[in-house]
Amino acid sequence: FEITKHELFQERFVATFASWCTRN
């Protein structure tokens, strides 16, 4: 369960944030 949370946080928060910065 903790690993799944970690993956979702990485993919949905960190990666989304990084992608937004790259686009801008």
PDBML (XML) file of the C-alpha atoms, coordinates in Angstrom:
<?xml version="1.0" encoding="UTF-8" ?>
<PDBx:datablock datablockName="MODEL"
   xmlns:PDBx="http://pdbml.pdb.org/schema/pdbx-v50.xsd"
   xmlns:xsi="http://www.w3.org/2001/XMLSchema-instance"
   xsi:schemaLocation="http://pdbml.pdb.org/schema/pdbx-v50.xsd pdbx-v50.xsd">
   <PDBx:atom_siteCategory>
      <PDBx:atom_site id="1">
         <PDBx:B_iso_or_equiv>0.00</PDBx:B_iso_or_equiv>
         <PDBx:Cartn_x>0.000</PDBx:Cartn_x>
         <PDBx:Cartn_y>0.000</PDBx:Cartn_y>
         <PDBx:Cartn_z>0.000</PDBx:Cartn_z>
         <PDBx:auth_asym_id>A</PDBx:auth_asym_id>
         <PDBx:auth_atom_id>CA</PDBx:auth_atom_id>
         <PDBx:auth_comp_id>PHE</PDBx:auth_comp_id>
         <PDBx:auth_seq_id>1</PDBx:auth_seq_id>
         <PDBx:group_PDB>ATOM</PDBx:group_PDB>
         <PDBx:label_alt_id xsi:nil="true" />
         <PDBx:label_asym_id>A</PDBx:label_asym_id>
         <PDBx:label_atom_id>CA</PDBx:label_atom_id>
         <PDBx:label_comp_id>PHE</PDBx:label_comp_id>
         <PDBx:label_entity_id>1</PDBx:label_entity_id>
         <PDBx:label_seq_id>1</PDBx:label_seq_id>
         <PDBx:occupancy>1.00</PDBx:occupancy>
         <PDBx:pdbx_PDB_model_num>1</PDBx:pdbx_PDB_model_num>
         <PDBx:type_symbol>C</PDBx:type_symbol>
      </PDBx:atom_site>
      <PDBx:atom_site id="2">
         <PDBx:B_iso_or_equiv>0.00</PDBx:B_iso_or_equiv>
         <PDBx:Cartn_x>2.812</PDBx:Cartn_x>
         <PDBx:Cartn_y>2.405</PDBx:Cartn_y>
         <PDBx:Cartn_z>0.868</PDBx:Cartn_z>
         <PDBx:auth_asym_id>A</PDBx:auth_asym_id>
         <PDBx:auth_atom_id>CA</PDBx:auth_atom_id>
         <PDBx:auth_comp_id>GLU</PDBx:auth_comp_id>
         <PDBx:auth_seq_id>2</PDBx:auth_seq_id>
         <PDBx:group_PDB>ATOM</PDBx:group_PDB>
         <PDBx:label_alt_id xsi:nil="true" />
         <PDBx:label_asym_id>A</PDBx:label_asym_id>
         <PDBx:label_atom_id>CA</PDBx:label_atom_id>
         <PDBx:label_comp_id>GLU</PDBx:label_comp_id>
         <PDBx:label_entity_id>1</PDBx:label_entity_id>
         <PDBx:label_seq_id>2</PDBx:label_seq_id>
         <PDBx:occupancy>1.00</PDBx:occupancy>
         <PDBx:pdbx_PDB_model_num>1</PDBx:pdbx_PDB_model_num>
         <PDBx:type_symbol>C</PDBx:type_symbol>
      </PDBx:atom_site>
      <PDBx:atom_site id="3">
         <PDBx:B_iso_or_equiv>0.00</PDBx:B_iso_or_equiv>
         <PDBx:Cartn_x>4.652</PDBx:Cartn_x>
         <PDBx:Cartn_y>1.591</PDBx:Cartn_y>
         <PDBx:Cartn_z>-2.364</PDBx:Cartn_z>
         <PDBx:auth_asym_id>A</PDBx:auth_asym_id>
         <PDBx:auth_atom_id>CA</PDBx:auth_atom_id>
         <PDBx:auth_comp_id>ILE</PDBx:auth_comp_id>
         <PDBx:auth_seq_id>3</PDBx:auth_seq_id>
         <PDBx:group_PDB>ATOM</PDBx:group_PDB>
         <PDBx:label_alt_id xsi:nil="true" />
         <PDBx:label_asym_id>A</PDBx:label_asym_id>
         <PDBx:label_atom_id>CA</PDBx:label_atom_id>
         <PDBx:label_comp_id>ILE</PDBx:label_comp_id>
         <PDBx:label_entity_id>1</PDBx:label_entity_id>
         <PDBx:label_seq_id>3</PDBx:label_seq_id>
         <PDBx:occupancy>1.00</PDBx:occupancy>
         <PDBx:pdbx_PDB_model_num>1</PDBx:pdbx_PDB_model_num>
         <PDBx:type_symbol>C</PDBx:type_symbol>
      </PDBx:atom_site>
      <PDBx:atom_site id="4">
         <PDBx:B_iso_or_equiv>0.00</PDBx:B_iso_or_equiv>
         <PDBx:Cartn_x>1.471</PDBx:Cartn_x>
         <PDBx:Cartn_y>2.280</PDBx:Cartn_y>
         <PDBx:Cartn_z>-4.344</PDBx:Cartn_z>
         <PDBx:auth_asym_id>A</PDBx:auth_asym_id>
         <PDBx:auth_atom_id>CA</PDBx:auth_atom_id>
         <PDBx:auth_comp_id>THR</PDBx:auth_comp_id>
         <PDBx:auth_seq_id>4</PDBx:auth_seq_id>
         <PDBx:group_PDB>ATOM</PDBx:group_PDB>
         <PDBx:label_alt_id xsi:nil="true" />
         <PDBx:label_asym_id>A</PDBx:label_asym_id>
         <PDBx:label_atom_id>CA</PDBx:label_atom_id>
         <PDBx:label_comp_id>THR</PDBx:label_comp_id>
         <PDBx:label_entity_id>1</PDBx:label_entity_id>
         <PDBx:label_seq_id>4</PDBx:label_seq_id>
         <PDBx:occupancy>1.00</PDBx:occupancy>
         <PDBx:pdbx_PDB_model_num>1</PDBx:pdbx_PDB_model_num>
         <PDBx:type_symbol>C</PDBx:type_symbol>
      </PDBx:atom_site>
      <PDBx:atom_site id="5">
         <PDBx:B_iso_or_equiv>0.00</PDBx:B_iso_or_equiv>
         <PDBx:Cartn_x>1.038</PDBx:Cartn_x>
         <PDBx:Cartn_y>5.638</PDBx:Cartn_y>
         <PDBx:Cartn_z>-2.600</PDBx:Cartn_z>
         <PDBx:auth_asym_id>A</PDBx:auth_asym_id>
         <PDBx:auth_atom_id>CA</PDBx:auth_atom_id>
         <PDBx:auth_comp_id>LYS</PDBx:auth_comp_id>
         <PDBx:auth_seq_id>5</PDBx:auth_seq_id>
         <PDBx:group_PDB>ATOM</PDBx:group_PDB>
         <PDBx:label_alt_id xsi:nil="true" />
         <PDBx:label_asym_id>A</PDBx:label_asym_id>
         <PDBx:label_atom_id>CA</PDBx:label_atom_id>
         <PDBx:label_comp_id>LYS</PDBx:label_comp_id>
         <PDBx:label_entity_id>1</PDBx:label_entity_id>
         <PDBx:label_seq_id>5</PDBx:label_seq_id>
         <PDBx:occupancy>1.00</PDBx:occupancy>
         <PDBx:pdbx_PDB_model_num>1</PDBx:pdbx_PDB_model_num>
         <PDBx:type_symbol>C</PDBx:type_symbol>
      </PDBx:atom_site>
      <PDBx:atom_site id="6">
         <PDBx:B_iso_or_equiv>0.00</PDBx:B_iso_or_equiv>
         <PDBx:Cartn_x>4.678</PDBx:Cartn_x>
         <PDBx:Cartn_y>6.472</PDBx:Cartn_y>
         <PDBx:Cartn_z>-3.329</PDBx:Cartn_z>
         <PDBx:auth_asym_id>A</PDBx:auth_asym_id>
         <PDBx:auth_atom_id>CA</PDBx:auth_atom_id>
         <PDBx:auth_comp_id>HIS</PDBx:auth_comp_id>
         <PDBx:auth_seq_id>6</PDBx:auth_seq_id>
         <PDBx:group_PDB>ATOM</PDBx:group_PDB>
         <PDBx:label_alt_id xsi:nil="true" />
         <PDBx:label_asym_id>A</PDBx:label_asym_id>
         <PDBx:label_atom_id>CA</PDBx:label_atom_id>
         <PDBx:label_comp_id>HIS</PDBx:label_comp_id>
         <PDBx:label_entity_id>1</PDBx:label_entity_id>
         <PDBx:label_seq_id>6</PDBx:label_seq_id>
         <PDBx:occupancy>1.00</PDBx:occupancy>
         <PDBx:pdbx_PDB_model_num>1</PDBx:pdbx_PDB_model_num>
         <PDBx:type_symbol>C</PDBx:type_symbol>
      </PDBx:atom_site>
      <PDBx:atom_site id="7">
         <PDBx:B_iso_or_equiv>0.00</PDBx:B_iso_or_equiv>
         <PDBx:Cartn_x>4.253</PDBx:Cartn_x>
         <PDBx:Cartn_y>5.664</PDBx:Cartn_y>
         <PDBx:Cartn_z>-7.014</PDBx:Cartn_z>
         <PDBx:auth_asym_id>A</PDBx:auth_asym_id>
         <PDBx:auth_atom_id>CA</PDBx:auth_atom_id>
         <PDBx:auth_comp_id>GLU</PDBx:auth_comp_id>
         <PDBx:auth_seq_id>7</PDBx:auth_seq_id>
         <PDBx:group_PDB>ATOM</PDBx:group_PDB>
         <PDBx:label_alt_id xsi:nil="true" />
         <PDBx:label_asym_id>A</PDBx:label_asym_id>
         <PDBx:label_atom_id>CA</PDBx:label_atom_id>
         <PDBx:label_comp_id>GLU</PDBx:label_comp_id>
         <PDBx:label_entity_id>1</PDBx:label_entity_id>
         <PDBx:label_seq_id>7</PDBx:label_seq_id>
         <PDBx:occupancy>1.00</PDBx:occupancy>
         <PDBx:pdbx_PDB_model_num>1</PDBx:pdbx_PDB_model_num>
         <PDBx:type_symbol>C</PDBx:type_symbol>
      </PDBx:atom_site>
      <PDBx:atom_site id="8">
         <PDBx:B_iso_or_equiv>0.00</PDBx:B_iso_or_equiv>
         <PDBx:Cartn_x>1.077</PDBx:Cartn_x>
         <PDBx:Cartn_y>7.701</PDBx:Cartn_y>
         <PDBx:Cartn_z>-7.342</PDBx:Cartn_z>
         <PDBx:auth_asym_id>A</PDBx:auth_asym_id>
         <PDBx:auth_atom_id>CA</PDBx:auth_atom_id>
         <PDBx:auth_comp_id>LEU</PDBx:auth_comp_id>
         <PDBx:auth_seq_id>8</PDBx:auth_seq_id>
         <PDBx:group_PDB>ATOM</PDBx:group_PDB>
         <PDBx:label_alt_id xsi:nil="true" />
         <PDBx:label_asym_id>A</PDBx:label_asym_id>
         <PDBx:label_atom_id>CA</PDBx:label_atom_id>
         <PDBx:label_comp_id>LEU</PDBx:label_comp_id>
         <PDBx:label_entity_id>1</PDBx:label_entity_id>
         <PDBx:label_seq_id>8</PDBx:label_seq_id>
         <PDBx:occupancy>1.00</PDBx:occupancy>
         <PDBx:pdbx_PDB_model_num>1</PDBx:pdbx_PDB_model_num>
         <PDBx:type_symbol>C</PDBx:type_symbol>
      </PDBx:atom_site>
      <PDBx:atom_site id="9">
         <PDBx:B_iso_or_equiv>0.00</PDBx:B_iso_or_equiv>
         <PDBx:Cartn_x>2.653</PDBx:Cartn_x>
         <PDBx:Cartn_y>10.677</PDBx:Cartn_y>
         <PDBx:Cartn_z>-5.584</PDBx:Cartn_z>
         <PDBx:auth_asym_id>A</PDBx:auth_asym_id>
         <PDBx:auth_atom_id>CA</PDBx:auth_atom_id>
         <PDBx:auth_comp_id>PHE</PDBx:auth_comp_id>
         <PDBx:auth_seq_id>9</PDBx:auth_seq_id>
         <PDBx:group_PDB>ATOM</PDBx:group_PDB>
         <PDBx:label_alt_id xsi:nil="true" />
         <PDBx:label_asym_id>A</PDBx:label_asym_id>
         <PDBx:label_atom_id>CA</PDBx:label_atom_id>
         <PDBx:label_comp_id>PHE</PDBx:label_comp_id>
         <PDBx:label_entity_id>1</PDBx:label_entity_id>
         <PDBx:label_seq_id>9</PDBx:label_seq_id>
         <PDBx:occupancy>1.00</PDBx:occupancy>
         <PDBx:pdbx_PDB_model_num>1</PDBx:pdbx_PDB_model_num>
         <PDBx:type_symbol>C</PDBx:type_symbol>
      </PDBx:atom_site>
      <PDBx:atom_site id="10">
         <PDBx:B_iso_or_equiv>0.00</PDBx:B_iso_or_equiv>
         <PDBx:Cartn_x>5.659</PDBx:Cartn_x>
         <PDBx:Cartn_y>10.511</PDBx:Cartn_y>
         <PDBx:Cartn_z>-7.885</PDBx:Cartn_z>
         <PDBx:auth_asym_id>A</PDBx:auth_asym_id>
         <PDBx:auth_atom_id>CA</PDBx:auth_atom_id>
         <PDBx:auth_comp_id>GLN</PDBx:auth_comp_id>
         <PDBx:auth_seq_id>10</PDBx:auth_seq_id>
         <PDBx:group_PDB>ATOM</PDBx:group_PDB>
         <PDBx:label_alt_id xsi:nil="true" />
         <PDBx:label_asym_id>A</PDBx:label_asym_id>
         <PDBx:label_atom_id>CA</PDBx:label_atom_id>
         <PDBx:label_comp_id>GLN</PDBx:label_comp_id>
         <PDBx:label_entity_id>1</PDBx:label_entity_id>
         <PDBx:label_seq_id>10</PDBx:label_seq_id>
         <PDBx:occupancy>1.00</PDBx:occupancy>
         <PDBx:pdbx_PDB_model_num>1</PDBx:pdbx_PDB_model_num>
         <PDBx:type_symbol>C</PDBx:type_symbol>
      </PDBx:atom_site>
      <PDBx:atom_site id="11">
         <PDBx:B_iso_or_equiv>0.00</PDBx:B_iso_or_equiv>
         <PDBx:Cartn_x>3.581</PDBx:Cartn_x>
         <PDBx:Cartn_y>10.155</PDBx:Cartn_y>
         <PDBx:Cartn_z>-11.045</PDBx:Cartn_z>
         <PDBx:auth_asym_id>A</PDBx:auth_asym_id>
         <PDBx:auth_atom_id>CA</PDBx:auth_atom_id>
         <PDBx:auth_comp_id>GLU</PDBx:auth_comp_id>
         <PDBx:auth_seq_id>11</PDBx:auth_seq_id>
         <PDBx:group_PDB>ATOM</PDBx:group_PDB>
         <PDBx:label_alt_id xsi:nil="true" />
         <PDBx:label_asym_id>A</PDBx:label_asym_id>
         <PDBx:label_atom_id>CA</PDBx:label_atom_id>
         <PDBx:label_comp_id>GLU</PDBx:label_comp_id>
         <PDBx:label_entity_id>1</PDBx:label_entity_id>
         <PDBx:label_seq_id>11</PDBx:label_seq_id>
         <PDBx:occupancy>1.00</PDBx:occupancy>
         <PDBx:pdbx_PDB_model_num>1</PDBx:pdbx_PDB_model_num>
         <PDBx:type_symbol>C</PDBx:type_symbol>
      </PDBx:atom_site>
      <PDBx:atom_site id="12">
         <PDBx:B_iso_or_equiv>0.00</PDBx:B_iso_or_equiv>
         <PDBx:Cartn_x>0.676</PDBx:Cartn_x>
         <PDBx:Cartn_y>12.430</PDBx:Cartn_y>
         <PDBx:Cartn_z>-10.236</PDBx:Cartn_z>
         <PDBx:auth_asym_id>A</PDBx:auth_asym_id>
         <PDBx:auth_atom_id>CA</PDBx:auth_atom_id>
         <PDBx:auth_comp_id>ARG</PDBx:auth_comp_id>
         <PDBx:auth_seq_id>12</PDBx:auth_seq_id>
         <PDBx:group_PDB>ATOM</PDBx:group_PDB>
         <PDBx:label_alt_id xsi:nil="true" />
         <PDBx:label_asym_id>A</PDBx:label_asym_id>
         <PDBx:label_atom_id>CA</PDBx:label_atom_id>
         <PDBx:label_comp_id>ARG</PDBx:label_comp_id>
         <PDBx:label_entity_id>1</PDBx:label_entity_id>
         <PDBx:label_seq_id>12</PDBx:label_seq_id>
         <PDBx:occupancy>1.00</PDBx:occupancy>
         <PDBx:pdbx_PDB_model_num>1</PDBx:pdbx_PDB_model_num>
         <PDBx:type_symbol>C</PDBx:type_symbol>
      </PDBx:atom_site>
      <PDBx:atom_site id="13">
         <PDBx:B_iso_or_equiv>0.00</PDBx:B_iso_or_equiv>
         <PDBx:Cartn_x>2.267</PDBx:Cartn_x>
         <PDBx:Cartn_y>15.195</PDBx:Cartn_y>
         <PDBx:Cartn_z>-8.202</PDBx:Cartn_z>
         <PDBx:auth_asym_id>A</PDBx:auth_asym_id>
         <PDBx:auth_atom_id>CA</PDBx:auth_atom_id>
         <PDBx:auth_comp_id>PHE</PDBx:auth_comp_id>
         <PDBx:auth_seq_id>13</PDBx:auth_seq_id>
         <PDBx:group_PDB>ATOM</PDBx:group_PDB>
         <PDBx:label_alt_id xsi:nil="true" />
         <PDBx:label_asym_id>A</PDBx:label_asym_id>
         <PDBx:label_atom_id>CA</PDBx:label_atom_id>
         <PDBx:label_comp_id>PHE</PDBx:label_comp_id>
         <PDBx:label_entity_id>1</PDBx:label_entity_id>
         <PDBx:label_seq_id>13</PDBx:label_seq_id>
         <PDBx:occupancy>1.00</PDBx:occupancy>
         <PDBx:pdbx_PDB_model_num>1</PDBx:pdbx_PDB_model_num>
         <PDBx:type_symbol>C</PDBx:type_symbol>
      </PDBx:atom_site>
      <PDBx:atom_site id="14">
         <PDBx:B_iso_or_equiv>0.00</PDBx:B_iso_or_equiv>
         <PDBx:Cartn_x>6.020</PDBx:Cartn_x>
         <PDBx:Cartn_y>15.337</PDBx:Cartn_y>
         <PDBx:Cartn_z>-8.826</PDBx:Cartn_z>
         <PDBx:auth_asym_id>A</PDBx:auth_asym_id>
         <PDBx:auth_atom_id>CA</PDBx:auth_atom_id>
         <PDBx:auth_comp_id>VAL</PDBx:auth_comp_id>
         <PDBx:auth_seq_id>14</PDBx:auth_seq_id>
         <PDBx:group_PDB>ATOM</PDBx:group_PDB>
         <PDBx:label_alt_id xsi:nil="true" />
         <PDBx:label_asym_id>A</PDBx:label_asym_id>
         <PDBx:label_atom_id>CA</PDBx:label_atom_id>
         <PDBx:label_comp_id>VAL</PDBx:label_comp_id>
         <PDBx:label_entity_id>1</PDBx:label_entity_id>
         <PDBx:label_seq_id>14</PDBx:label_seq_id>
         <PDBx:occupancy>1.00</PDBx:occupancy>
         <PDBx:pdbx_PDB_model_num>1</PDBx:pdbx_PDB_model_num>
         <PDBx:type_symbol>C</PDBx:type_symbol>
      </PDBx:atom_site>
      <PDBx:atom_site id="15">
         <PDBx:B_iso_or_equiv>0.00</PDBx:B_iso_or_equiv>
         <PDBx:Cartn_x>5.897</PDBx:Cartn_x>
         <PDBx:Cartn_y>14.373</PDBx:Cartn_y>
         <PDBx:Cartn_z>-12.517</PDBx:Cartn_z>
         <PDBx:auth_asym_id>A</PDBx:auth_asym_id>
         <PDBx:auth_atom_id>CA</PDBx:auth_atom_id>
         <PDBx:auth_comp_id>ALA</PDBx:auth_comp_id>
         <PDBx:auth_seq_id>15</PDBx:auth_seq_id>
         <PDBx:group_PDB>ATOM</PDBx:group_PDB>
         <PDBx:label_alt_id xsi:nil="true" />
         <PDBx:label_asym_id>A</PDBx:label_asym_id>
         <PDBx:label_atom_id>CA</PDBx:label_atom_id>
         <PDBx:label_comp_id>ALA</PDBx:label_comp_id>
         <PDBx:label_entity_id>1</PDBx:label_entity_id>
         <PDBx:label_seq_id>15</PDBx:label_seq_id>
         <PDBx:occupancy>1.00</PDBx:occupancy>
         <PDBx:pdbx_PDB_model_num>1</PDBx:pdbx_PDB_model_num>
         <PDBx:type_symbol>C</PDBx:type_symbol>
      </PDBx:atom_site>
      <PDBx:atom_site id="16">
         <PDBx:B_iso_or_equiv>0.00</PDBx:B_iso_or_equiv>
         <PDBx:Cartn_x>2.859</PDBx:Cartn_x>
         <PDBx:Cartn_y>16.593</PDBx:Cartn_y>
         <PDBx:Cartn_z>-13.187</PDBx:Cartn_z>
         <PDBx:auth_asym_id>A</PDBx:auth_asym_id>
         <PDBx:auth_atom_id>CA</PDBx:auth_atom_id>
         <PDBx:auth_comp_id>THR</PDBx:auth_comp_id>
         <PDBx:auth_seq_id>16</PDBx:auth_seq_id>
         <PDBx:group_PDB>ATOM</PDBx:group_PDB>
         <PDBx:label_alt_id xsi:nil="true" />
         <PDBx:label_asym_id>A</PDBx:label_asym_id>
         <PDBx:label_atom_id>CA</PDBx:label_atom_id>
         <PDBx:label_comp_id>THR</PDBx:label_comp_id>
         <PDBx:label_entity_id>1</PDBx:label_entity_id>
         <PDBx:label_seq_id>16</PDBx:label_seq_id>
         <PDBx:occupancy>1.00</PDBx:occupancy>
         <PDBx:pdbx_PDB_model_num>1</PDBx:pdbx_PDB_model_num>
         <PDBx:type_symbol>C</PDBx:type_symbol>
      </PDBx:atom_site>
      <PDBx:atom_site id="17">
         <PDBx:B_iso_or_equiv>0.00</PDBx:B_iso_or_equiv>
         <PDBx:Cartn_x>4.624</PDBx:Cartn_x>
         <PDBx:Cartn_y>19.523</PDBx:Cartn_y>
         <PDBx:Cartn_z>-11.540</PDBx:Cartn_z>
         <PDBx:auth_asym_id>A</PDBx:auth_asym_id>
         <PDBx:auth_atom_id>CA</PDBx:auth_atom_id>
         <PDBx:auth_comp_id>PHE</PDBx:auth_comp_id>
         <PDBx:auth_seq_id>17</PDBx:auth_seq_id>
         <PDBx:group_PDB>ATOM</PDBx:group_PDB>
         <PDBx:label_alt_id xsi:nil="true" />
         <PDBx:label_asym_id>A</PDBx:label_asym_id>
         <PDBx:label_atom_id>CA</PDBx:label_atom_id>
         <PDBx:label_comp_id>PHE</PDBx:label_comp_id>
         <PDBx:label_entity_id>1</PDBx:label_entity_id>
         <PDBx:label_seq_id>17</PDBx:label_seq_id>
         <PDBx:occupancy>1.00</PDBx:occupancy>
         <PDBx:pdbx_PDB_model_num>1</PDBx:pdbx_PDB_model_num>
         <PDBx:type_symbol>C</PDBx:type_symbol>
      </PDBx:atom_site>
      <PDBx:atom_site id="18">
         <PDBx:B_iso_or_equiv>0.00</PDBx:B_iso_or_equiv>
         <PDBx:Cartn_x>7.824</PDBx:Cartn_x>
         <PDBx:Cartn_y>18.904</PDBx:Cartn_y>
         <PDBx:Cartn_z>-13.526</PDBx:Cartn_z>
         <PDBx:auth_asym_id>A</PDBx:auth_asym_id>
         <PDBx:auth_atom_id>CA</PDBx:auth_atom_id>
         <PDBx:auth_comp_id>ALA</PDBx:auth_comp_id>
         <PDBx:auth_seq_id>18</PDBx:auth_seq_id>
         <PDBx:group_PDB>ATOM</PDBx:group_PDB>
         <PDBx:label_alt_id xsi:nil="true" />
         <PDBx:label_asym_id>A</PDBx:label_asym_id>
         <PDBx:label_atom_id>CA</PDBx:label_atom_id>
         <PDBx:label_comp_id>ALA</PDBx:label_comp_id>
         <PDBx:label_entity_id>1</PDBx:label_entity_id>
         <PDBx:label_seq_id>18</PDBx:label_seq_id>
         <PDBx:occupancy>1.00</PDBx:occupancy>
         <PDBx:pdbx_PDB_model_num>1</PDBx:pdbx_PDB_model_num>
         <PDBx:type_symbol>C</PDBx:type_symbol>
      </PDBx:atom_site>
      <PDBx:atom_site id="19">
         <PDBx:B_iso_or_equiv>0.00</PDBx:B_iso_or_equiv>
         <PDBx:Cartn_x>5.872</PDBx:Cartn_x>
         <PDBx:Cartn_y>18.613</PDBx:Cartn_y>
         <PDBx:Cartn_z>-16.790</PDBx:Cartn_z>
         <PDBx:auth_asym_id>A</PDBx:auth_asym_id>
         <PDBx:auth_atom_id>CA</PDBx:auth_atom_id>
         <PDBx:auth_comp_id>SER</PDBx:auth_comp_id>
         <PDBx:auth_seq_id>19</PDBx:auth_seq_id>
         <PDBx:group_PDB>ATOM</PDBx:group_PDB>
         <PDBx:label_alt_id xsi:nil="true" />
         <PDBx:label_asym_id>A</PDBx:label_asym_id>
         <PDBx:label_atom_id>CA</PDBx:label_atom_id>
         <PDBx:label_comp_id>SER</PDBx:label_comp_id>
         <PDBx:label_entity_id>1</PDBx:label_entity_id>
         <PDBx:label_seq_id>19</PDBx:label_seq_id>
         <PDBx:occupancy>1.00</PDBx:occupancy>
         <PDBx:pdbx_PDB_model_num>1</PDBx:pdbx_PDB_model_num>
         <PDBx:type_symbol>C</PDBx:type_symbol>
      </PDBx:atom_site>
      <PDBx:atom_site id="20">
         <PDBx:B_iso_or_equiv>0.00</PDBx:B_iso_or_equiv>
         <PDBx:Cartn_x>4.037</PDBx:Cartn_x>
         <PDBx:Cartn_y>21.866</PDBx:Cartn_y>
         <PDBx:Cartn_z>-16.068</PDBx:Cartn_z>
         <PDBx:auth_asym_id>A</PDBx:auth_asym_id>
         <PDBx:auth_atom_id>CA</PDBx:auth_atom_id>
         <PDBx:auth_comp_id>TRP</PDBx:auth_comp_id>
         <PDBx:auth_seq_id>20</PDBx:auth_seq_id>
         <PDBx:group_PDB>ATOM</PDBx:group_PDB>
         <PDBx:label_alt_id xsi:nil="true" />
         <PDBx:label_asym_id>A</PDBx:label_asym_id>
         <PDBx:label_atom_id>CA</PDBx:label_atom_id>
         <PDBx:label_comp_id>TRP</PDBx:label_comp_id>
         <PDBx:label_entity_id>1</PDBx:label_entity_id>
         <PDBx:label_seq_id>20</PDBx:label_seq_id>
         <PDBx:occupancy>1.00</PDBx:occupancy>
         <PDBx:pdbx_PDB_model_num>1</PDBx:pdbx_PDB_model_num>
         <PDBx:type_symbol>C</PDBx:type_symbol>
      </PDBx:atom_site>
      <PDBx:atom_site id="21">
         <PDBx:B_iso_or_equiv>0.00</PDBx:B_iso_or_equiv>
         <PDBx:Cartn_x>7.346</PDBx:Cartn_x>
         <PDBx:Cartn_y>23.644</PDBx:Cartn_y>
         <PDBx:Cartn_z>-15.462</PDBx:Cartn_z>
         <PDBx:auth_asym_id>A</PDBx:auth_asym_id>
         <PDBx:auth_atom_id>CA</PDBx:auth_atom_id>
         <PDBx:auth_comp_id>CYS</PDBx:auth_comp_id>
         <PDBx:auth_seq_id>21</PDBx:auth_seq_id>
         <PDBx:group_PDB>ATOM</PDBx:group_PDB>
         <PDBx:label_alt_id xsi:nil="true" />
         <PDBx:label_asym_id>A</PDBx:label_asym_id>
         <PDBx:label_atom_id>CA</PDBx:label_atom_id>
         <PDBx:label_comp_id>CYS</PDBx:label_comp_id>
         <PDBx:label_entity_id>1</PDBx:label_entity_id>
         <PDBx:label_seq_id>21</PDBx:label_seq_id>
         <PDBx:occupancy>1.00</PDBx:occupancy>
         <PDBx:pdbx_PDB_model_num>1</PDBx:pdbx_PDB_model_num>
         <PDBx:type_symbol>C</PDBx:type_symbol>
      </PDBx:atom_site>
      <PDBx:atom_site id="22">
         <PDBx:B_iso_or_equiv>0.00</PDBx:B_iso_or_equiv>
         <PDBx:Cartn_x>8.781</PDBx:Cartn_x>
         <PDBx:Cartn_y>22.247</PDBx:Cartn_y>
         <PDBx:Cartn_z>-18.698</PDBx:Cartn_z>
         <PDBx:auth_asym_id>A</PDBx:auth_asym_id>
         <PDBx:auth_atom_id>CA</PDBx:auth_atom_id>
         <PDBx:auth_comp_id>THR</PDBx:auth_comp_id>
         <PDBx:auth_seq_id>22</PDBx:auth_seq_id>
         <PDBx:group_PDB>ATOM</PDBx:group_PDB>
         <PDBx:label_alt_id xsi:nil="true" />
         <PDBx:label_asym_id>A</PDBx:label_asym_id>
         <PDBx:label_atom_id>CA</PDBx:label_atom_id>
         <PDBx:label_comp_id>THR</PDBx:label_comp_id>
         <PDBx:label_entity_id>1</PDBx:label_entity_id>
         <PDBx:label_seq_id>22</PDBx:label_seq_id>
         <PDBx:occupancy>1.00</PDBx:occupancy>
         <PDBx:pdbx_PDB_model_num>1</PDBx:pdbx_PDB_model_num>
         <PDBx:type_symbol>C</PDBx:type_symbol>
      </PDBx:atom_site>
      <PDBx:atom_site id="23">
         <PDBx:B_iso_or_equiv>0.00</PDBx:B_iso_or_equiv>
         <PDBx:Cartn_x>5.786</PDBx:Cartn_x>
         <PDBx:Cartn_y>23.400</PDBx:Cartn_y>
         <PDBx:Cartn_z>-20.726</PDBx:Cartn_z>
         <PDBx:auth_asym_id>A</PDBx:auth_asym_id>
         <PDBx:auth_atom_id>CA</PDBx:auth_atom_id>
         <PDBx:auth_comp_id>ARG</PDBx:auth_comp_id>
         <PDBx:auth_seq_id>23</PDBx:auth_seq_id>
         <PDBx:group_PDB>ATOM</PDBx:group_PDB>
         <PDBx:label_alt_id xsi:nil="true" />
         <PDBx:label_asym_id>A</PDBx:label_asym_id>
         <PDBx:label_atom_id>CA</PDBx:label_atom_id>
         <PDBx:label_comp_id>ARG</PDBx:label_comp_id>
         <PDBx:label_entity_id>1</PDBx:label_entity_id>
         <PDBx:label_seq_id>23</PDBx:label_seq_id>
         <PDBx:occupancy>1.00</PDBx:occupancy>
         <PDBx:pdbx_PDB_model_num>1</PDBx:pdbx_PDB_model_num>
         <PDBx:type_symbol>C</PDBx:type_symbol>
      </PDBx:atom_site>
      <PDBx:atom_site id="24">
         <PDBx:B_iso_or_equiv>0.00</PDBx:B_iso_or_equiv>
         <PDBx:Cartn_x>5.973</PDBx:Cartn_x>
         <PDBx:Cartn_y>26.892</PDBx:Cartn_y>
         <PDBx:Cartn_z>-19.287</PDBx:Cartn_z>
         <PDBx:auth_asym_id>A</PDBx:auth_asym_id>
         <PDBx:auth_atom_id>CA</PDBx:auth_atom_id>
         <PDBx:auth_comp_id>ASN</PDBx:auth_comp_id>
         <PDBx:auth_seq_id>24</PDBx:auth_seq_id>
         <PDBx:group_PDB>ATOM</PDBx:group_PDB>
         <PDBx:label_alt_id xsi:nil="true" />
         <PDBx:label_asym_id>A</PDBx:label_asym_id>
         <PDBx:label_atom_id>CA</PDBx:label_atom_id>
         <PDBx:label_comp_id>ASN</PDBx:label_comp_id>
         <PDBx:label_entity_id>1</PDBx:label_entity_id>
         <PDBx:label_seq_id>24</PDBx:label_seq_id>
         <PDBx:occupancy>1.00</PDBx:occupancy>
         <PDBx:pdbx_PDB_model_num>1</PDBx:pdbx_PDB_model_num>
         <PDBx:type_symbol>C</PDBx:type_symbol>
      </PDBx:atom_site>
   </PDBx:atom_siteCategory>
</PDBx:datablock>
